[in-house]
Amino acid sequence: MGTLNTGPNLAAPDDFYQNLIELHRDLTEAQSALVNAKLILLLANHVGDADVLRAAMAAAREDVVPAT
């Protein structure tokens, strides 16, 4: 069982951000949402650890909606 790494872990974060922006360039809002969903599923499959994925989902939801 792994743990979610939320510390800096990208060798070139600015390059990653630029690539992410480019991924969405010239897409409609619907296409952008679909690309995001596909990217999430691809990365989740790559991670493969259900506990890490649950921790990532909880972290992503923090400060977006009140905890229930």
Protein backbone atom coordinates (compact mmCIF):
# COMPACT_ATOMS: atom_id res chain seq x y z
CA MET A 1 0.00 0.00 0.00
CA GLY A 2 1.44 3.37 -1.05
CA THR A 3 0.89 6.85 0.26
CA LEU A 4 -0.01 9.96 -1.65
CA ASN A 5 2.98 12.21 -2.29
CA THR A 6 1.78 15.82 -2.18
CA GLY A 7 5.23 17.36 -2.03
CA PRO A 8 7.03 18.76 -5.07
CA ASN A 9 7.81 15.80 -7.31
CA LEU A 10 8.09 17.11 -10.88
CA ALA A 11 11.57 17.60 -12.31
CA ALA A 12 10.34 20.48 -14.48
CA PRO A 13 6.99 21.75 -13.13
CA ASP A 14 6.89 24.77 -15.42
CA ASP A 15 7.35 22.53 -18.47
CA PHE A 16 4.56 20.26 -17.23
CA TYR A 17 2.25 23.23 -16.75
CA GLN A 18 3.03 24.49 -20.25
CA ASN A 19 2.30 21.04 -21.69
CA LEU A 20 -0.98 20.95 -19.78
CA ILE A 21 -1.99 24.34 -21.17
CA GLU A 22 -1.05 23.20 -24.69
CA LEU A 23 -3.15 20.06 -24.24
CA HIS A 24 -6.24 22.26 -23.89
CA ARG A 25 -5.42 24.85 -26.53
CA ASP A 26 -8.17 25.31 -29.16
CA LEU A 27 -10.53 22.87 -27.43
CA THR A 28 -14.13 23.65 -26.59
CA GLU A 29 -15.15 23.53 -22.93
CA ALA A 30 -16.71 20.10 -23.53
CA GLN A 31 -13.60 18.79 -25.30
CA SER A 32 -11.40 20.15 -22.51
CA ALA A 33 -13.52 18.39 -19.88
CA LEU A 34 -13.32 15.15 -21.86
CA VAL A 35 -9.53 15.43 -22.18
CA ASN A 36 -9.30 16.05 -18.41
CA ALA A 37 -11.44 12.98 -17.68
CA LYS A 38 -9.36 10.81 -20.01
CA LEU A 39 -6.13 12.09 -18.48
CA ILE A 40 -7.40 11.36 -14.96
CA LEU A 41 -8.36 7.81 -15.92
CA LEU A 42 -5.02 7.18 -17.65
CA LEU A 43 -3.06 8.46 -14.66
CA ALA A 44 -5.27 6.57 -12.19
CA ASN A 45 -4.61 3.38 -14.13
CA HIS A 46 -0.89 4.13 -14.02
CA VAL A 47 -0.96 4.71 -10.24
CA GLY A 48 -3.06 1.59 -9.74
CA ASP A 49 -3.18 1.80 -5.93
CA ALA A 50 -6.76 2.25 -4.71
CA ASP A 51 -5.67 3.75 -1.35
CA VAL A 52 -3.47 6.34 -3.06
CA LEU A 53 -6.26 7.18 -5.51
CA ARG A 54 -8.79 7.61 -2.67
CA ALA A 55 -6.33 9.88 -0.86
CA ALA A 56 -5.82 11.91 -4.05
CA MET A 57 -9.57 12.27 -4.55
CA ALA A 58 -10.03 13.42 -0.96
CA ALA A 59 -7.16 15.91 -1.30
CA ALA A 60 -8.57 17.25 -4.57
CA ARG A 61 -11.95 17.80 -2.93
CA GLU A 62 -10.54 19.64 0.10
CA ASP A 63 -11.47 23.31 0.21
CA VAL A 64 -13.83 22.86 -2.77
CA VAL A 65 -16.91 21.73 -0.87
CA PRO A 66 -17.54 21.51 2.87
CA ALA A 67 -16.74 18.10 4.41
CA THR A 68 -19.78 16.01 5.25
